[in-house]
Protein backbone atom coordinates (compact mmCIF):
# COMPACT_ATOMS: atom_id res chain seq x y z
CA GLY A 1 98.76 137.47 -5.87
CA ALA A 2 97.24 135.19 -8.53
CA VAL A 3 99.14 132.01 -9.19
CA GLY A 4 99.17 129.69 -12.17
CA ARG A 5 98.94 125.98 -12.51
CA GLY A 6 102.46 124.93 -11.49
CA LYS A 7 103.99 128.29 -12.38
CA ALA A 8 105.33 131.41 -10.67
CA GLY A 9 102.84 133.64 -9.04
CA LEU A 10 102.68 137.45 -9.85
CA SER A 11 104.60 138.06 -6.70
CA GLY A 12 107.59 136.56 -8.46
CA GLN A 13 107.79 133.55 -5.99
CA ALA A 14 107.74 129.94 -7.25
CA THR A 15 104.49 127.97 -6.52
CA GLU A 16 103.37 124.58 -7.58
CA VAL A 17 99.80 124.87 -6.42
CA GLN A 18 97.19 123.31 -8.76
CA TYR A 19 93.46 124.30 -8.18
CA LEU A 20 90.33 122.38 -8.94
CA LYS A 21 87.66 124.18 -11.03
CA PRO A 22 84.60 125.25 -8.95
CA HIS A 23 82.46 122.19 -9.96
CA GLU A 24 85.25 119.58 -9.38
CA ARG A 25 85.91 117.55 -6.18
CA SER A 26 89.09 115.87 -5.17
CA GLY A 27 87.44 113.07 -3.32
CA HIS A 28 89.69 113.83 -0.17
CA ASP A 29 87.49 114.92 2.57
CA ILE A 30 88.51 115.74 6.13
CA ALA A 31 87.53 114.65 9.65
CA LEU A 32 88.55 116.49 12.83
CA ALA A 33 88.15 116.07 16.54
CA LEU A 34 89.80 118.05 19.39
CA GLU A 35 89.54 118.62 23.15
CA ILE A 36 90.04 121.90 24.88
CA ASP A 37 91.38 121.99 28.52
CA ALA A 38 91.53 125.83 29.14
CA GLY A 39 92.72 125.51 32.76
CA VAL A 40 89.83 127.96 33.66
CA LYS A 41 86.14 127.97 33.29
CA ILE A 42 85.02 128.15 29.63
CA GLU A 43 82.12 130.66 29.19
CA GLU A 44 81.42 130.57 25.38
CA ILE A 45 82.41 128.60 22.50
CA ALA A 46 81.59 128.98 18.75
CA CYS A 47 82.54 127.92 15.37
CA THR A 48 81.75 130.31 12.46
CA SER A 49 83.60 128.45 9.78
CA HIS A 50 82.17 124.89 9.99
CA VAL A 51 79.20 122.87 11.34
CA ILE A 52 80.56 121.19 14.55
CA GLU A 53 79.23 118.73 17.22
CA LYS A 54 80.34 119.31 20.79
CA SER A 55 80.08 118.00 24.31
CA CYS A 56 81.33 119.49 27.75
CA PRO A 57 82.76 116.89 30.14
CA GLY A 58 83.52 119.65 32.63
CA SER A 59 83.41 123.46 33.05
CA GLU A 60 87.06 123.74 31.90
CA LYS A 61 86.93 121.17 29.11
CA VAL A 62 85.01 120.94 25.90
CA ARG A 63 85.22 118.19 23.11
CA VAL A 64 84.43 119.17 19.49
CA GLN A 65 84.30 117.26 16.17
CA LEU A 66 83.62 118.16 12.58
CA SER A 67 80.14 117.41 11.30
CA PRO A 68 80.09 115.15 8.27
CA LEU A 69 77.99 117.76 6.58
CA ASP A 70 80.95 120.18 6.28
CA ASN A 71 84.00 118.11 5.31
CA ILE A 72 85.44 119.75 2.24
CA PRO A 73 89.12 120.93 2.75
CA ASN A 74 88.74 124.40 1.24
CA LYS A 75 88.92 126.76 4.37
CA ASP A 76 90.47 126.88 7.76
CA PHE A 77 88.74 125.50 10.74
CA VAL A 78 88.18 128.39 13.22
CA LEU A 79 87.00 127.68 16.74
CA ARG A 80 86.56 130.49 19.24
CA PHE A 81 86.03 130.33 22.99
CA LYS A 82 85.89 132.73 25.75
CA VAL A 83 86.91 132.60 29.48
CA ALA A 84 87.24 136.19 30.41
CA GLY A 85 85.47 137.42 33.61
CA GLU A 86 85.87 140.43 35.77
CA THR A 87 89.50 139.90 36.76
CA ILE A 88 92.66 138.59 35.17
CA LYS A 89 92.57 134.80 35.29
CA SER A 90 95.68 132.68 35.33
CA ALA A 91 96.62 128.98 34.94
CA LEU A 92 99.88 126.94 35.01
CA VAL A 93 99.98 123.45 33.72
CA VAL A 94 103.08 121.32 33.74
CA HIS A 95 104.38 118.04 32.53
CA LEU A 96 107.30 116.21 34.16
CA GLU A 97 109.83 114.30 32.11
CA SER A 98 110.55 110.57 32.99
CA SER A 99 111.55 110.41 36.64
CA GLY A 100 114.28 108.05 35.69
CA GLY A 101 116.56 111.02 34.96
CA GLY A 102 115.99 112.81 38.18
CA ALA A 103 118.45 113.09 41.03
CA ARG A 104 117.34 112.34 44.59
CA VAL A 105 118.31 115.32 47.03
CA ALA A 106 117.45 116.09 50.65
CA ASP A 107 114.57 118.53 50.87
CA THR A 108 115.61 120.92 53.81
CA SER A 109 112.73 123.33 53.16
CA SER A 110 110.16 120.71 54.26
CA ALA A 111 108.87 120.63 57.86
CA ASP A 112 109.98 116.96 57.90
CA GLN A 113 113.76 117.49 57.73
CA GLY A 114 115.42 115.18 55.30
CA GLN A 115 112.42 114.16 53.32
CA ASP A 116 113.52 112.80 50.03
CA ALA A 117 112.72 114.83 46.96
CA LEU A 118 113.41 114.53 43.25
CA ALA A 119 115.06 117.05 41.21
CA THR A 120 112.45 117.32 38.36
CA ARG A 121 112.62 118.58 34.88
CA GLY A 122 109.66 119.23 32.57
CA PHE A 123 107.75 121.61 30.48
CA PHE A 124 105.14 124.18 31.39
CA THR A 125 102.49 126.43 29.81
CA LEU A 126 101.53 129.62 31.62
CA MET A 127 98.22 131.32 30.56
CA LEU A 128 96.98 134.76 31.51
CA TYR A 129 93.40 135.64 30.49
CA PRO A 130 92.38 139.21 30.61
CA PRO A 131 89.16 140.58 32.12
CA GLN A 132 86.24 141.33 29.84
CA ASP A 133 85.86 145.01 30.53
CA LEU A 134 88.58 147.68 31.09
CA ALA A 135 86.63 150.67 30.06
CA GLN A 136 87.68 152.57 33.36
CA VAL A 137 91.29 152.34 32.47
CA GLN A 138 92.75 155.63 30.82
CA ARG A 139 93.99 155.16 27.30
CA ALA A 140 96.85 156.90 25.57
CA PRO A 141 96.46 158.73 22.21
CA MET A 142 97.06 156.28 19.33
CA GLU A 143 98.67 156.58 15.99
CA MET A 144 96.89 154.05 13.81
CA VAL A 145 98.37 152.85 10.49
CA PHE A 146 95.99 150.71 8.32
CA VAL A 147 97.70 148.48 5.76
CA LEU A 148 95.35 147.03 3.18
CA ASP A 149 96.24 144.20 0.67
CA CYS A 150 94.79 145.16 -2.77
CA SER A 151 96.36 142.32 -4.83
CA GLY A 152 94.46 140.06 -7.18
CA SER A 153 93.83 137.22 -4.76
CA MET A 154 91.80 139.71 -2.61
CA SER A 155 89.32 140.25 -5.40
CA GLY A 156 85.72 139.88 -4.38
CA GLN A 157 84.60 139.18 -0.78
CA PRO A 158 87.95 139.41 0.82
CA LEU A 159 88.45 142.98 -0.29
CA ALA A 160 84.92 143.81 0.58
CA LYS A 161 85.49 142.46 4.03
CA SER A 162 88.69 144.49 4.36
CA LYS A 163 86.95 147.75 3.30
CA GLU A 164 84.09 146.99 5.83
CA ALA A 165 86.62 146.64 8.50
CA ILE A 166 88.67 149.67 7.85
CA ARG A 167 85.45 151.85 7.45
CA ARG A 168 84.31 150.81 10.86
CA ALA A 169 87.93 151.41 12.40
CA LEU A 170 88.12 154.78 10.92
CA ARG A 171 84.95 155.86 12.39
CA LYS A 172 85.92 154.69 15.88
CA LEU A 173 89.05 156.79 16.04
CA GLY A 174 89.17 159.29 18.89
CA PRO A 175 89.76 163.14 18.56
CA ASP A 176 93.26 162.72 20.01
CA ASP A 177 94.34 160.03 17.51
CA THR A 178 96.16 160.20 14.29
CA PHE A 179 95.96 157.77 11.37
CA GLN A 180 97.47 156.72 7.92
CA VAL A 181 96.20 154.41 5.20
CA VAL A 182 98.63 152.30 3.12
CA ARG A 183 97.56 150.10 0.28
CA PHE A 184 99.80 147.62 -1.61
CA SER A 185 99.71 145.16 -4.43
CA ASP A 186 102.78 145.18 -6.68
CA ARG A 187 103.64 148.59 -5.27
CA ALA A 188 102.58 150.65 -2.27
CA SER A 189 100.94 153.99 -2.08
CA LEU A 190 99.69 156.14 0.97
CA LEU A 191 96.76 158.36 1.70
CA GLY A 192 99.23 161.18 2.69
CA THR A 193 102.79 161.77 3.45
CA GLN A 194 102.33 161.46 7.19
CA PRO A 195 99.69 160.54 9.75
CA VAL A 196 96.96 163.11 10.03
CA PRO A 197 94.58 163.96 12.98
CA ALA A 198 91.33 162.01 13.02
CA THR A 199 89.05 165.03 12.40
CA PRO A 200 85.74 164.48 10.69
CA GLU A 201 87.17 165.94 7.51
CA ASN A 202 90.13 163.78 7.46
CA VAL A 203 88.18 160.68 8.25
CA GLN A 204 85.69 161.45 5.37
CA LYS A 205 88.69 161.79 2.94
CA ALA A 206 90.07 158.44 4.10
CA LEU A 207 86.68 156.77 3.66
CA ALA A 208 86.46 158.04 0.11
CA TYR A 209 90.03 156.88 -0.53
CA VAL A 210 89.30 153.30 0.80
CA GLU A 211 86.20 152.99 -1.23
CA SER A 212 88.03 153.85 -4.48
CA LEU A 213 90.47 151.06 -3.94
CA HIS A 214 90.30 147.85 -6.10
CA SER A 215 92.27 144.66 -6.39
CA GLU A 216 94.97 144.21 -9.05
CA GLY A 217 98.40 142.73 -9.53
CA GLY A 218 100.70 140.68 -7.38
CA THR A 219 101.39 140.76 -3.59
CA MET A 220 104.54 142.70 -2.83
CA MET A 221 103.82 142.87 0.82
CA ILE A 222 107.28 143.94 1.71
CA GLU A 223 106.61 147.37 0.15
CA GLY A 224 103.62 147.78 2.40
CA ILE A 225 105.63 146.95 5.33
CA ARG A 226 108.28 149.49 4.41
CA ALA A 227 105.72 152.11 3.82
CA ALA A 228 103.89 151.43 7.12
CA LEU A 229 106.97 151.11 9.35
CA GLY A 230 109.36 153.43 7.65
CA PHE A 231 108.25 156.84 8.69
CA PRO A 232 109.21 158.51 12.07
CA HIS A 233 107.29 157.53 15.14
CA ASP A 234 105.55 160.18 17.42
CA PRO A 235 106.91 159.25 20.85
CA GLY A 236 103.79 160.81 22.50
CA ARG A 237 101.52 158.24 20.81
CA PHE A 238 100.87 154.56 21.02
CA ARG A 239 101.64 153.27 17.41
CA LEU A 240 99.54 150.47 16.19
CA VAL A 241 99.91 149.10 12.65
CA SER A 242 97.17 146.82 11.36
CA PHE A 243 97.79 144.66 8.31
CA MET A 244 94.65 143.32 6.38
CA THR A 245 95.60 140.51 4.03
CA ASP A 246 95.07 136.87 2.92
CA GLY A 247 98.87 136.54 3.06
CA TYR A 248 99.09 134.65 -0.19
CA ILE A 249 102.83 135.14 -0.83
CA GLY A 250 105.89 132.95 -1.07
CA ASN A 251 108.66 135.14 0.44
CA GLU A 252 107.78 134.90 4.17
CA ALA A 253 111.44 134.92 5.36
CA GLU A 254 112.08 138.12 3.63
CA ILE A 255 109.02 139.72 5.06
CA LEU A 256 109.45 138.62 8.55
CA GLY A 257 113.17 139.77 8.35
CA GLU A 258 111.98 143.28 7.28
CA VAL A 259 109.36 143.32 10.13
CA HIS A 260 112.12 142.47 12.62
CA ARG A 261 114.30 145.22 11.18
CA LEU A 262 111.73 148.09 11.21
CA ARG A 263 109.29 147.26 13.95
CA GLY A 264 110.77 149.74 16.53
CA GLU A 265 108.18 150.42 19.21
CA ALA A 266 105.17 149.77 17.14
CA ARG A 267 102.61 147.15 17.98
CA ILE A 268 101.63 145.14 14.91
CA PHE A 269 98.20 143.57 14.65
CA THR A 270 97.41 141.38 11.67
CA PHE A 271 93.97 140.69 10.18
CA GLY A 272 93.73 137.39 8.01
CA ILE A 273 90.85 138.19 5.53
CA GLY A 274 89.12 135.13 3.92
CA SER A 275 88.58 131.40 4.55
CA SER A 276 92.18 130.11 3.98
CA VAL A 277 94.83 132.60 5.00
CA ASN A 278 98.57 132.31 5.51
CA ARG A 279 98.36 131.96 9.36
CA TYR A 280 102.16 131.21 9.74
CA LEU A 281 103.09 134.53 8.30
CA LEU A 282 100.28 136.50 10.13
CA ASP A 283 101.01 134.94 13.49
CA ARG A 284 104.65 135.57 13.21
CA MET A 285 104.34 139.26 12.11
CA ALA A 286 102.06 139.70 15.23
CA LYS A 287 104.47 138.11 17.55
CA LEU A 288 107.47 139.96 16.25
CA GLY A 289 105.36 143.25 16.84
CA LYS A 290 104.18 142.37 20.24
CA GLY A 291 100.56 142.51 18.97
CA ALA A 292 97.94 140.00 18.19
CA VAL A 293 96.29 138.38 15.16
CA ALA A 294 92.57 138.13 14.35
CA TYR A 295 90.76 136.48 11.55
CA ILE A 296 87.82 137.81 9.59
CA GLY A 297 86.09 134.75 7.77
CA LEU A 298 83.57 135.27 4.91
CA ASN A 299 80.78 134.50 7.34
CA ASP A 300 82.06 136.88 9.98
CA SER A 301 80.88 140.46 10.49
CA GLY A 302 83.85 142.79 9.81
CA THR A 303 82.33 145.47 12.13
CA GLU A 304 82.12 143.01 15.03
CA VAL A 305 85.68 141.98 14.74
CA VAL A 306 86.87 145.57 14.53
CA ASP A 307 84.77 146.38 17.60
CA ARG A 308 86.54 143.57 19.50
CA PHE A 309 89.88 144.99 18.16
CA TYR A 310 89.16 148.43 19.48
CA ASP A 311 87.95 146.98 22.76
CA CYS A 312 91.28 145.19 22.91
CA ILE A 313 93.67 148.18 22.06
CA ARG A 314 91.91 150.95 23.83
CA HIS A 315 92.58 149.69 27.29
CA PRO A 316 95.40 147.15 27.64
CA ALA A 317 94.81 144.84 30.66
CA LEU A 318 98.59 144.63 31.39
CA THR A 319 101.60 146.22 29.71
CA ASP A 320 105.33 145.89 30.23
CA VAL A 321 104.77 142.39 31.50
CA ARG A 322 107.61 140.78 33.66
CA ILE A 323 107.70 137.46 35.40
CA ASP A 324 109.55 136.34 38.43
CA TRP A 325 109.66 132.61 38.19
CA GLY A 326 110.58 131.99 41.89
CA ASP A 327 112.05 128.57 42.57
CA MET A 328 111.42 127.37 39.02
CA GLU A 329 114.55 127.49 37.03
CA VAL A 330 113.19 128.13 33.56
CA SER A 331 114.78 128.05 30.17
CA GLU A 332 113.79 128.44 26.53
CA VAL A 333 110.55 130.25 27.26
CA TYR A 334 108.44 131.30 24.12
CA PRO A 335 107.61 133.83 22.92
CA ARG A 336 110.91 135.36 23.97
CA GLN A 337 109.18 138.84 23.84
CA ILE A 338 106.26 138.72 26.28
CA PRO A 339 103.36 140.59 24.60
CA ASP A 340 100.90 143.00 26.29
CA LEU A 341 97.79 141.47 27.78
CA PHE A 342 94.78 142.79 25.80
CA VAL A 343 91.11 142.14 26.23
CA GLY A 344 90.28 138.94 24.15
CA ARG A 345 94.04 138.25 23.61
CA PRO A 346 95.49 135.89 26.36
CA ILE A 347 99.21 135.68 27.00
CA ILE A 348 100.42 132.02 26.57
CA LEU A 349 103.99 131.16 27.55
CA THR A 350 105.63 127.75 27.11
CA GLY A 351 108.97 126.80 28.37
CA ARG A 352 111.19 124.20 30.18
CA PHE A 353 111.89 124.10 33.88
CA GLN A 354 113.87 122.45 36.60
CA GLY A 355 112.82 122.33 40.31
CA ARG A 356 112.13 120.01 43.13
CA ALA A 357 109.14 117.85 43.81
CA PRO A 358 108.46 115.34 46.60
CA THR A 359 108.34 111.61 45.78
CA ALA A 360 104.98 111.19 47.57
CA ILE A 361 101.96 110.93 45.23
CA ARG A 362 100.36 113.88 46.94
CA PRO A 363 102.14 117.11 45.47
CA ARG A 364 102.97 120.02 47.59
CA PRO A 365 103.28 123.68 46.37
CA ALA A 366 106.82 124.38 45.13
CA GLY A 367 106.18 128.02 45.75
CA THR A 368 104.84 130.82 43.60
CA LEU A 369 105.68 132.75 40.49
CA CYS A 370 104.94 136.44 40.24
CA VAL A 371 103.56 138.32 37.12
CA ARG A 372 104.15 142.01 37.17
CA GLY A 373 102.97 144.75 34.78
CA LYS A 374 101.16 148.05 34.36
CA VAL A 375 97.42 148.76 34.34
CA GLY A 376 97.34 152.27 33.04
CA GLN A 377 100.03 153.90 35.02
CA SER A 378 99.66 151.78 38.11
CA GLU A 379 101.83 148.58 38.95
CA LYS A 380 99.90 145.32 39.34
CA GLU A 381 101.21 142.06 40.70
CA ILE A 382 99.65 138.56 40.21
CA ARG A 383 100.86 135.62 42.23
CA ILE A 384 100.34 132.05 40.90
CA PRO A 385 100.95 128.89 42.91
CA VAL A 386 103.28 126.22 41.43
CA GLU A 387 102.90 122.53 41.94
CA LEU A 388 105.59 120.13 40.55
CA GLY A 389 104.47 116.86 42.24
CA PRO A 390 103.65 113.66 40.12
CA ALA A 391 99.91 114.33 40.44
CA ALA A 392 100.28 117.63 38.62
CA ALA A 393 102.06 116.24 35.70
CA THR A 394 99.08 115.26 33.59
CA HIS A 395 99.64 117.25 30.46
CA PRO A 396 102.01 115.33 28.12
CA GLY A 397 100.90 117.39 25.18
CA ILE A 398 102.79 120.36 26.52
CA ALA A 399 106.13 118.93 25.27
CA CYS A 400 104.99 118.98 21.74
CA VAL A 401 103.51 122.46 22.24
CA TRP A 402 106.96 123.65 23.48
CA ALA A 403 108.73 122.03 20.54
CA ARG A 404 106.53 123.73 18.06
CA LYS A 405 107.14 127.11 19.62
CA ARG A 406 111.02 126.24 19.67
CA ILE A 407 110.73 125.49 15.88
CA GLU A 408 108.74 128.69 15.26
CA ASP A 409 111.36 130.73 17.18
CA LEU A 410 114.31 129.06 15.31
CA ALA A 411 112.50 129.67 12.00
CA SER A 412 111.98 133.26 12.84
CA GLN A 413 115.68 133.70 13.68
CA CYS A 414 116.40 132.20 10.11
CA THR A 415 114.82 135.34 8.67
CA TYR A 416 117.44 137.75 9.99
CA ASP A 417 120.28 135.47 11.15
CA THR A 418 122.60 133.65 8.61
CA ASN A 419 123.78 131.22 11.22
CA PRO A 420 124.18 127.97 9.28
CA ALA A 421 123.52 125.92 12.41
CA LEU A 422 119.78 127.03 12.72
CA PRO A 423 118.29 124.63 10.04
CA GLY A 424 120.02 121.83 11.79
CA GLU A 425 118.57 122.75 15.10
CA ILE A 426 115.13 122.83 13.54
CA LYS A 427 115.48 119.46 12.09
CA GLN A 428 116.83 118.03 15.46
CA VAL A 429 113.74 119.41 17.34
CA ALA A 430 111.26 118.25 14.72
CA LEU A 431 112.68 114.70 14.54
CA GLN A 432 112.87 114.37 18.35
CA TYR A 433 109.27 115.36 18.82
CA GLY A 434 107.79 114.05 15.51
CA LEU A 435 106.69 117.33 14.08
CA MET A 436 106.56 118.82 10.56
CA SER A 437 108.86 121.70 9.71
CA ALA A 438 110.64 123.27 6.78
CA TYR A 439 113.23 120.54 6.88
CA THR A 440 111.01 117.46 7.97
CA ALA A 441 107.70 116.13 6.45
CA PHE A 442 105.05 113.64 7.06
CA LEU A 443 104.53 111.17 4.25
CA ALA A 444 101.08 109.90 3.43
CA VAL A 445 101.06 106.64 1.45
CA ASP A 446 98.02 106.20 -0.91
CA THR A 447 97.63 102.47 -1.24
CA SER A 448 94.44 102.69 -3.52
CA ARG A 449 96.46 103.07 -6.67
CA THR A 450 99.69 101.40 -7.67
CA THR A 451 102.06 101.74 -10.65
CA ALA A 452 103.82 99.09 -12.72
CA GLY A 453 107.44 98.53 -12.04
CA ASN A 454 109.78 99.60 -9.31
CA HIS A 455 109.64 103.31 -9.88
CA GLY A 456 106.94 105.62 -8.59
CA VAL A 457 105.27 108.35 -10.61
CA THR A 458 105.10 111.87 -9.14
CA VAL A 459 101.44 113.10 -9.66
CA ALA A 460 100.39 116.71 -8.81
CA VAL A 461 97.19 116.66 -6.69
CA PRO A 462 95.03 119.67 -7.26
CA VAL A 463 93.28 121.34 -4.31
CA PRO A 464 89.94 123.36 -4.09
CA VAL A 465 90.25 127.06 -4.52
CA PRO A 466 89.86 128.51 -0.96
CA ASP A 467 86.13 129.24 -0.06
CA GLY A 468 85.06 132.69 -1.19
CA VAL A 469 87.94 133.31 -3.51
CA ARG A 470 87.31 133.76 -7.20
CA TYR A 471 88.78 130.93 -9.35
CA GLU A 472 89.27 133.39 -12.27
CA THR A 473 91.44 135.85 -10.39
CA THR A 474 93.39 133.18 -8.41
CA VAL A 475 94.29 130.87 -11.34
CA GLN A 476 96.13 131.80 -14.51
CA ASP A 477 95.88 128.92 -17.05
C-alpha cells in the first residue's frame, strides 16, 4: 500500500521509508559487476532492466557489469540466462573445507590397497536444468487460482501489467481446466464462490471482471492468501495458485506463516510486478509452495512471461523428485522441500557433505549420486558423477551461498515456530560467514560529512520512488 514519509503505511505496518520527488536525485549512484559460472553451456543471456556490458571467457561463464549510463538505484537488476537443451542437464560443484581438519584414513576401496585418503568436509551445489521442450508429455487437468494485488501501490503500470498477464493466462486455459480469480487490497473478493470450468462463457465473464478492477487502499495480502488457499481442493486436479503483486508490505512473517499453514498440495507461483518488488517475500512464498517465482518488469511483455509460465506448468520435466546421495554423507540441504523441475525453472540444492578424497592432486570419482522422479507417469533416473578431490574444490563462494540458504530457512521457521533459539542461530551463521540478516547489518561510514562534537546525528536518507510507480499514490505527505 501507499506509505507516508516516516509514517505507517495503509497496511498498518510501520515504515520509515522516505522518497525523493521525481525531479530529485540522491547523488548515490550504483556500480555492479558479476560473473556467472553455470556449470553447463550458457545458450542465451539478456538484461531487460538495465544497460549492461558483457564478455564471455568460456562457454559456461559470462562476465557482466552495469553500464555507467544506467546507474540510478530505483529498480531491481534483472539478468536472465538460459542453458536448456533437449535433455535434462546437471552439474555438481563442491568446495572443500580446510584440509587441516580432515582425518587420514585407509582407502580400501582403491585398487592400490592402503592408499592414504582424507576424510573431507565441505559444501556443494547441485543444479538440475530442464529441457526446453516437453510438449509430448501428457498434462493433468489444472485448477488455476489467480490472485491479483489491487492496492494503491499497484496504480498505473504495475496494475496494467498484471491485467495483461491475467488476460493472457485466462485465454490459455484448456477445456478440462477450472479457475478462480481473487483480488485483494485492504480486503479480498472473489469472482465466484468456487472454481468454475474454463468454458468460453466463463472466461469472458472473468475477462470483464478483471478489466473492471482498479487500485485502491492498503495491502492486506493475508486476506488474499486465505481466500485463495482456504477453499477445498479437487484431488483430481493439479492446483496452481499464482499471486501477482509488488509485495509492498511489512508483515512478511505473518504472511509466510499463513502460507505454511494453508498451502496443502497446492503449487504456489508468484509474479513480482514492477521494477522494485519484495523479492524476499515472493521467493519464500514460492519455495514454501514448491512452485517458482517470475518477475514482470515494466519493460517486459506480460504475455511473453505468461507464455513461459504456461510452458512451465503444462508439462513438468520432473515431479516427486528424490535424491540418493550415494557415498556423500549430506546434511543441512536447502531447500528442505525439493521442488518440481519445470521448463525454465531449474532445481538448485545447496548443502554440506562429508566423504573421502585422495590426497593426490588428481581427483578420483567418489561415486555417483542418483536423482529420481516422474516424467508424466513414468519413472526417470539421472546419475551424476561426484568428485571430491582437491582439484575439484575450486568454488569457495558455495560456502556463502549455503549460509544464505541456511539463514533463509531459519527465518522461514521463525514465521511459524516460536522457538526462542532461532534468532540466535541466524545471528551466529550471519556473523560466521559475514552476511546481512534480520539480526546483523553492514555499516557504511560516510566520511564526506562530519558533525561537531562527539555525538553523531541520525539523518534519514530519502530514496528514489521505484521506477514506474507513481509518486502521488506511493507517498502520503
